[in-house]
Amino acid sequence: MMPQGTWLRIIKHPASRIAVPLVIAVIVVFALHRFASHVTWNDVKADLVAASPVLLLKALAFAALSFVGISFYDALAVNLSRHQRCLFALPHWLERQAMPYPDC
């Protein structure tokens, strides 16, 4: 078992910060491709035509409600993090913009 400092160095290494999200993205794309490989555009059109307009409006309404909920969650996170120190340094191009958090 590696000491904690070694794991921390591996995780914080710039190559890990690029490689890990890329590996996750590749896995996600592969999984989505596998799940959606049997669905054709004609199937989607047929299902949309077969669905009732009320059902489609309900689906759209719940999707919009979900988006509003996620937006409020993000706004709450920004509001709560306003009084905390940043865990990472901001890029220089972002520092020049009007940032309400000068200690970041």
Protein backbone atom coordinates (compact mmCIF):
# COMPACT_ATOMS: atom_id res chain seq x y z
CA MET A 1 0.00 0.00 0.00
CA MET A 2 1.34 3.42 -0.99
CA PRO A 3 1.79 6.11 1.63
CA GLN A 4 -0.75 8.90 1.61
CA GLY A 5 1.75 11.43 0.28
CA THR A 6 2.42 9.33 -2.81
CA TRP A 7 -1.29 9.09 -3.65
CA LEU A 8 -1.64 12.81 -3.17
CA ARG A 9 1.24 13.49 -5.56
CA ILE A 10 -0.28 11.17 -8.16
CA ILE A 11 -3.71 12.79 -7.88
CA LYS A 12 -2.33 16.33 -8.02
CA HIS A 13 -0.02 15.65 -10.95
CA PRO A 14 -1.06 17.64 -14.06
CA ALA A 15 -1.12 14.50 -16.19
CA SER A 16 -3.61 12.88 -13.80
CA ARG A 17 -5.84 15.94 -13.93
CA ILE A 18 -6.03 15.51 -17.70
CA ALA A 19 -5.99 11.72 -17.98
CA VAL A 20 -8.66 10.87 -15.39
CA PRO A 21 -11.43 13.02 -16.93
CA LEU A 22 -10.50 11.75 -20.39
CA VAL A 23 -10.72 8.13 -19.27
CA ILE A 24 -14.09 8.80 -17.63
CA ALA A 25 -15.34 10.53 -20.81
CA VAL A 26 -14.24 7.58 -22.95
CA ILE A 27 -16.02 5.13 -20.65
CA VAL A 28 -19.19 7.24 -20.71
CA VAL A 29 -19.18 7.56 -24.51
CA PHE A 30 -18.59 3.81 -24.87
CA ALA A 31 -21.43 2.99 -22.45
CA LEU A 32 -23.86 5.41 -24.14
CA HIS A 33 -22.96 4.02 -27.52
CA ARG A 34 -23.61 0.48 -26.31
CA PHE A 35 -26.95 1.43 -24.73
CA ALA A 36 -28.16 3.44 -27.73
CA SER A 37 -26.80 1.25 -30.51
CA HIS A 38 -30.11 -0.55 -31.01
CA VAL A 39 -32.20 2.65 -31.19
CA THR A 40 -32.84 4.14 -34.62
CA TRP A 41 -34.16 7.55 -35.59
CA ASN A 42 -37.30 5.89 -36.93
CA ASP A 43 -37.92 4.33 -33.49
CA VAL A 44 -37.62 7.75 -31.85
CA LYS A 45 -40.02 9.35 -34.35
CA ALA A 46 -42.52 6.51 -33.93
CA ASP A 47 -42.42 6.81 -30.14
CA LEU A 48 -42.91 10.58 -30.31
CA VAL A 49 -45.90 10.20 -32.61
CA ALA A 50 -47.39 7.48 -30.38
CA ALA A 51 -47.06 9.55 -27.21
CA SER A 52 -49.92 11.80 -26.23
CA PRO A 53 -49.35 15.56 -26.27
CA VAL A 54 -50.22 15.73 -22.56
CA LEU A 55 -47.51 13.22 -21.77
CA LEU A 56 -44.96 15.14 -23.83
CA LEU A 57 -45.92 18.42 -22.11
CA LYS A 58 -45.57 16.76 -18.70
CA ALA A 59 -42.12 15.49 -19.66
CA LEU A 60 -41.11 18.95 -20.85
CA ALA A 61 -42.47 20.57 -17.69
CA PHE A 62 -40.59 18.19 -15.41
CA ALA A 63 -37.39 18.70 -17.41
CA ALA A 64 -37.79 22.48 -17.00
CA LEU A 65 -38.49 22.03 -13.28
CA SER A 66 -35.35 19.94 -12.96
CA PHE A 67 -33.33 22.63 -14.72
CA VAL A 68 -34.68 25.29 -12.36
CA GLY A 69 -33.82 23.11 -9.36
CA ILE A 70 -30.26 22.58 -10.58
CA SER A 71 -29.93 26.33 -11.21
CA PHE A 72 -31.01 27.13 -7.65
CA TYR A 73 -28.61 24.50 -6.34
CA ASP A 74 -25.74 26.14 -8.25
CA ALA A 75 -26.75 29.59 -7.01
CA LEU A 76 -26.81 28.29 -3.44
CA ALA A 77 -23.37 26.73 -3.85
CA VAL A 78 -21.93 30.00 -5.17
CA ASN A 79 -23.57 31.94 -2.36
CA LEU A 80 -22.28 29.58 0.33
CA SER A 81 -18.77 29.46 -1.09
CA ARG A 82 -18.48 33.25 -1.22
CA HIS A 83 -17.04 33.43 2.29
CA GLN A 84 -14.60 30.55 1.93
CA ARG A 85 -11.11 30.50 0.51
CA CYS A 86 -10.63 29.00 -2.93
CA LEU A 87 -9.11 25.54 -3.02
CA PHE A 88 -7.26 26.26 -6.27
CA ALA A 89 -5.64 29.15 -8.05
CA LEU A 90 -7.68 30.85 -10.73
CA PRO A 91 -6.24 31.22 -14.23
CA HIS A 92 -4.80 34.64 -14.99
CA TRP A 93 -7.45 35.38 -17.63
CA LEU A 94 -10.19 34.79 -15.06
CA GLU A 95 -8.55 36.98 -12.43
CA ARG A 96 -8.80 40.00 -14.73
CA GLN A 97 -12.56 39.69 -14.98
CA ALA A 98 -14.87 41.22 -12.41
CA MET A 99 -14.55 38.63 -9.67
CA PRO A 100 -16.45 39.25 -6.43
CA TYR A 101 -13.97 37.09 -4.50
CA PRO A 102 -10.63 38.89 -4.32
CA ASP A 103 -9.00 36.31 -2.04
CA CYS A 104 -9.16 33.54 -4.65
